[in-house]
Amino acid sequence: MRLTRSSWVCIFIVVASRLGLAVPITLLEYTFPTAGGAGVEVHSSLNPTTVAVGLNPSFNMAIRDTAGTITLGTENPTPNYATQPVLRVDPDGNSSSLAQAITNNKYFVFALQPDLNYELDLLQLEFLTARGGAGTPRGWGLRSSVDGYASTIAGADITTVRATWSSVTVPLPASYFEGITGPVTFRMYVYSPADGSTIEFDNIRLIGEATLLPEPATMSLLAVGALILVRRRRK
């Protein structure tokens, strides 16, 4: 049976659909739904509450203190935030600037890895943050494994005090975060003026695109379909 031009167009569309149309989605989200307490480093509430299709579900995506230099806890602090519980981070002193936090390894991490046959474009990181008290300076800085944690993507002093959140959006540069096919780890550095001066976070959300990579057979069929369309158009 000889296929008509419209038939080949239909085949072309069907095959193209198998390539996947990537749109920005929430790849990872941490909302800390369960209160734990100060020093709870491996509490279940530090795991992501949202994991998108396209991420490896067996990869460790929990927020962790891998350097062992800070204290993490999921708590219901007073005065109350509109969102409860929240992530409370105590840098345990010795770091009153981002530069000192980097030197002293005052950070927590979260990480992700694309699932088999997926590619990721990471677009931006969103989160809420506030100081746990009036003492300043307190702030944050973001680095990642894509350049060996060499450069700071973004960072700032925190201007609001519990229970008033600051809403932060950090664009992720395409030159580093497009076409991700391996694991990526983010480090969130934190600093405060004294031991016990906490920094608090909630609704940490990584926005991006997960694209299913085509199988070689799919690409071959797509190429054949395109070639036939071109030849028919020339006739």
Protein backbone atom coordinates (compact mmCIF):
# COMPACT_ATOMS: atom_id res chain seq x y z
CA MET A 1 0.00 0.00 0.00
CA ARG A 2 1.31 3.38 -1.01
CA LEU A 3 1.06 5.99 1.73
CA THR A 4 -0.34 9.37 0.88
CA ARG A 5 1.26 12.62 1.92
CA SER A 6 -1.33 13.08 4.67
CA SER A 7 -0.55 9.59 5.98
CA TRP A 8 3.12 10.42 6.26
CA VAL A 9 2.26 13.67 8.03
CA CYS A 10 0.24 11.67 10.58
CA ILE A 11 3.14 9.28 11.08
CA PHE A 12 5.50 12.22 11.48
CA ILE A 13 3.26 13.75 14.17
CA VAL A 14 2.87 10.48 16.07
CA VAL A 15 6.60 9.83 16.08
CA ALA A 16 7.35 13.41 17.09
CA SER A 17 4.97 13.08 20.01
CA ARG A 18 7.12 10.26 21.35
CA LEU A 19 9.98 12.70 21.68
CA GLY A 20 8.08 14.50 24.44
CA LEU A 21 7.20 18.17 24.69
CA ALA A 22 9.01 19.57 27.70
CA VAL A 23 7.27 22.32 29.67
CA PRO A 24 8.40 23.94 32.94
CA ILE A 25 7.20 21.97 35.94
CA THR A 26 8.05 21.53 39.61
CA LEU A 27 10.77 18.89 39.50
CA LEU A 28 11.39 18.86 43.26
CA GLU A 29 9.57 20.44 46.18
CA TYR A 30 10.16 20.39 49.93
CA THR A 31 7.26 21.53 52.13
CA PHE A 32 8.31 19.85 55.42
CA PRO A 33 4.89 18.44 56.35
CA THR A 34 5.96 16.82 59.63
CA ALA A 35 7.46 18.43 62.71
CA GLY A 36 10.58 16.75 63.99
CA GLY A 37 12.86 18.83 66.17
CA ALA A 38 16.29 20.37 66.42
CA GLY A 39 19.05 18.08 65.23
CA VAL A 40 16.83 15.73 63.25
CA GLU A 41 19.24 15.12 60.40
CA VAL A 42 17.51 12.17 58.72
CA HIS A 43 13.88 12.78 59.65
CA SER A 44 11.38 11.74 56.95
CA SER A 45 10.15 15.33 56.69
CA LEU A 46 13.47 16.26 55.06
CA ASN A 47 12.60 14.16 52.02
CA PRO A 48 10.95 15.89 49.04
CA THR A 49 7.16 16.04 49.02
CA THR A 50 7.07 16.32 45.22
CA VAL A 51 9.24 14.34 42.80
CA ALA A 52 8.40 14.75 39.10
CA VAL A 53 8.39 12.05 36.45
CA GLY A 54 11.81 12.17 34.81
CA LEU A 55 13.78 12.04 38.06
CA ASN A 56 15.39 8.87 39.38
CA PRO A 57 13.14 7.97 42.35
CA SER A 58 15.80 5.77 43.97
CA PHE A 59 18.34 8.62 44.12
CA ASN A 60 18.80 10.25 47.55
CA MET A 61 17.03 13.62 47.27
CA ALA A 62 16.65 14.33 51.00
CA ILE A 63 17.89 17.61 52.45
CA ARG A 64 20.99 16.69 54.44
CA ASP A 65 23.87 18.13 56.45
CA THR A 66 26.63 16.22 54.70
CA ALA A 67 29.46 18.30 56.20
CA GLY A 68 28.23 17.82 59.78
CA THR A 69 28.65 21.52 60.60
CA ILE A 70 25.08 22.75 61.14
CA THR A 71 21.86 21.69 62.89
CA LEU A 72 18.70 20.92 60.93
CA GLY A 73 15.18 20.59 62.29
CA THR A 74 11.58 20.65 61.08
CA GLU A 75 9.65 22.60 63.69
CA ASN A 76 6.60 24.72 64.51
CA PRO A 77 8.31 27.86 65.84
CA THR A 78 6.61 30.70 67.69
CA PRO A 79 5.41 33.15 66.48
CA ASN A 80 3.76 30.89 63.93
CA TYR A 81 4.31 31.10 60.19
CA ALA A 82 1.33 30.75 57.86
CA THR A 83 3.05 27.54 56.69
CA GLN A 84 3.92 25.00 59.37
CA PRO A 85 6.19 23.16 60.04
CA VAL A 86 9.26 24.81 58.54
CA LEU A 87 12.92 23.93 58.12
CA ARG A 88 15.03 25.57 60.82
CA VAL A 89 18.77 25.75 60.18
CA ASP A 90 21.26 26.71 62.88
CA PRO A 91 24.72 27.47 61.43
CA ASP A 92 26.11 26.87 64.94
CA GLY A 93 28.06 30.12 65.03
CA ASN A 94 31.48 30.98 63.57
CA SER A 95 30.06 32.32 60.29
CA SER A 96 28.65 35.84 60.07
CA SER A 97 29.11 36.28 56.31
CA LEU A 98 28.71 34.21 53.17
CA ALA A 99 32.48 34.09 52.73
CA GLN A 100 32.90 32.66 56.23
CA ALA A 101 30.07 30.18 55.67
CA ILE A 102 31.82 28.90 52.55
CA THR A 103 35.16 28.64 54.35
CA ASN A 104 33.58 26.83 57.31
CA ASN A 105 31.36 24.52 55.22
CA LYS A 106 28.10 25.79 56.72
CA TYR A 107 25.63 24.34 54.26
CA PHE A 108 22.89 21.82 53.67
CA VAL A 109 22.46 19.95 50.39
CA PHE A 110 19.74 18.61 48.17
CA ALA A 111 20.32 16.69 44.96
CA LEU A 112 18.63 15.11 41.97
CA GLN A 113 19.43 12.81 39.08
CA PRO A 114 17.52 12.33 35.82
CA ASP A 115 15.84 8.98 35.35
CA LEU A 116 16.93 6.60 32.61
CA ASN A 117 16.54 8.14 29.11
CA TYR A 118 15.62 11.58 30.50
CA GLU A 119 17.38 14.92 30.15
CA LEU A 120 16.82 17.88 32.47
CA ASP A 121 16.87 21.63 31.99
CA LEU A 122 16.94 23.34 35.40
CA LEU A 123 15.40 26.81 35.19
CA GLN A 124 15.05 28.32 38.65
CA LEU A 125 14.99 27.68 42.39
CA GLU A 126 12.21 29.20 44.51
CA PHE A 127 11.93 29.27 48.30
CA LEU A 128 10.67 31.16 51.34
CA THR A 129 13.12 32.28 54.00
CA ALA A 130 13.26 34.43 57.13
CA ARG A 131 15.46 35.12 60.12
CA GLY A 132 14.52 33.26 63.27
CA GLY A 133 15.16 36.42 65.31
CA ALA A 134 16.26 40.03 65.09
CA GLY A 135 20.03 39.47 65.16
CA THR A 136 21.90 40.23 61.94
CA PRO A 137 23.51 39.51 59.58
CA ARG A 138 21.79 36.29 58.53
CA GLY A 139 21.67 35.08 54.97
CA TRP A 140 22.20 32.40 52.38
CA GLY A 141 24.23 31.57 49.28
CA LEU A 142 23.68 28.93 46.60
CA ARG A 143 26.35 26.86 44.83
CA SER A 144 26.21 23.62 42.87
CA SER A 145 28.24 20.64 41.74
CA VAL A 146 28.05 21.61 38.05
CA ASP A 147 31.19 23.72 38.48
CA GLY A 148 32.57 21.92 41.53
CA TYR A 149 30.96 24.49 43.89
CA ALA A 150 33.41 27.09 42.62
CA SER A 151 31.02 30.02 42.08
CA THR A 152 28.05 31.48 43.93
CA ILE A 153 24.90 31.41 41.81
CA ALA A 154 23.10 33.84 44.12
CA GLY A 155 23.05 34.95 47.74
CA ALA A 156 21.68 37.66 50.03
CA ASP A 157 21.16 38.86 53.57
CA ILE A 158 17.66 38.04 54.83
CA THR A 159 15.60 41.15 55.58
CA THR A 160 12.48 39.67 57.20
CA VAL A 161 11.98 38.18 60.67
CA ARG A 162 9.72 35.30 61.69
CA ALA A 163 6.82 35.10 60.97
CA THR A 164 7.19 37.18 57.77
CA TRP A 165 8.61 35.29 54.83
CA SER A 166 10.86 36.66 52.10
CA SER A 167 10.02 35.06 48.75
CA VAL A 168 13.13 34.29 46.68
CA THR A 169 13.51 33.25 43.04
CA VAL A 170 16.96 32.30 41.77
CA PRO A 171 17.35 31.93 37.97
CA LEU A 172 19.73 29.11 37.07
CA PRO A 173 22.10 29.97 34.20
CA ALA A 174 21.38 27.94 31.07
CA SER A 175 25.09 27.62 30.32
CA TYR A 176 25.39 25.28 33.32
CA PHE A 177 21.93 23.82 33.81
CA GLU A 178 20.70 22.83 30.34
CA GLY A 179 21.00 19.27 29.06
CA ILE A 180 21.61 17.68 32.46
CA THR A 181 22.08 13.90 32.15
CA GLY A 182 23.84 13.16 35.44
CA PRO A 183 23.41 13.94 39.14
CA VAL A 184 23.42 17.55 40.38
CA THR A 185 23.90 18.59 44.01
CA PHE A 186 23.01 22.03 45.35
CA ARG A 187 24.62 23.50 48.46
CA MET A 188 22.69 26.13 50.39
CA TYR A 189 25.21 27.98 52.55
CA VAL A 190 23.86 29.77 55.64
CA TYR A 191 25.33 32.31 58.03
CA SER A 192 24.23 34.07 61.22
CA PRO A 193 25.88 36.10 64.00
CA ALA A 194 25.85 33.51 66.80
CA ASP A 195 25.10 29.94 67.81
CA GLY A 196 21.33 29.48 68.00
CA SER A 197 20.56 32.28 65.53
CA THR A 198 18.48 30.30 63.07
CA ILE A 199 17.57 30.75 59.43
CA GLU A 200 14.25 29.28 58.36
CA PHE A 201 13.05 27.94 55.02
CA ASP A 202 9.90 26.55 53.49
CA ASN A 203 8.45 25.59 50.11
CA ILE A 204 11.83 24.99 48.47
CA ARG A 205 10.93 24.34 44.84
CA LEU A 206 13.12 23.49 41.82
CA ILE A 207 11.52 24.40 38.49
CA GLY A 208 12.66 22.87 35.22
CA GLU A 209 11.92 20.62 32.27
CA ALA A 210 12.29 16.85 31.98
CA THR A 211 12.53 15.58 28.41
CA LEU A 212 12.28 11.93 27.42
CA LEU A 213 15.11 11.28 25.00
CA PRO A 214 14.07 9.45 21.81
CA GLU A 215 15.16 5.88 21.14
CA PRO A 216 17.40 5.41 18.08
CA ALA A 217 14.61 3.58 16.23
CA THR A 218 12.26 6.51 16.79
CA MET A 219 14.80 8.97 15.44
CA SER A 220 15.37 6.81 12.37
CA LEU A 221 11.65 6.62 11.62
CA LEU A 222 11.32 10.36 12.09
CA ALA A 223 14.21 11.00 9.69
CA VAL A 224 12.75 8.66 7.05
CA GLY A 225 9.38 10.36 7.31
CA ALA A 226 10.94 13.79 6.91
CA LEU A 227 12.97 12.66 3.88
CA ILE A 228 9.91 11.23 2.13
CA LEU A 229 7.97 14.44 2.73
CA VAL A 230 10.81 16.46 1.20
CA ARG A 231 11.00 14.21 -1.87
CA ARG A 232 7.26 14.32 -2.42
CA ARG A 233 7.29 18.10 -2.15
CA ARG A 234 10.01 18.31 -4.86
CA LYS A 235 7.90 16.17 -7.21
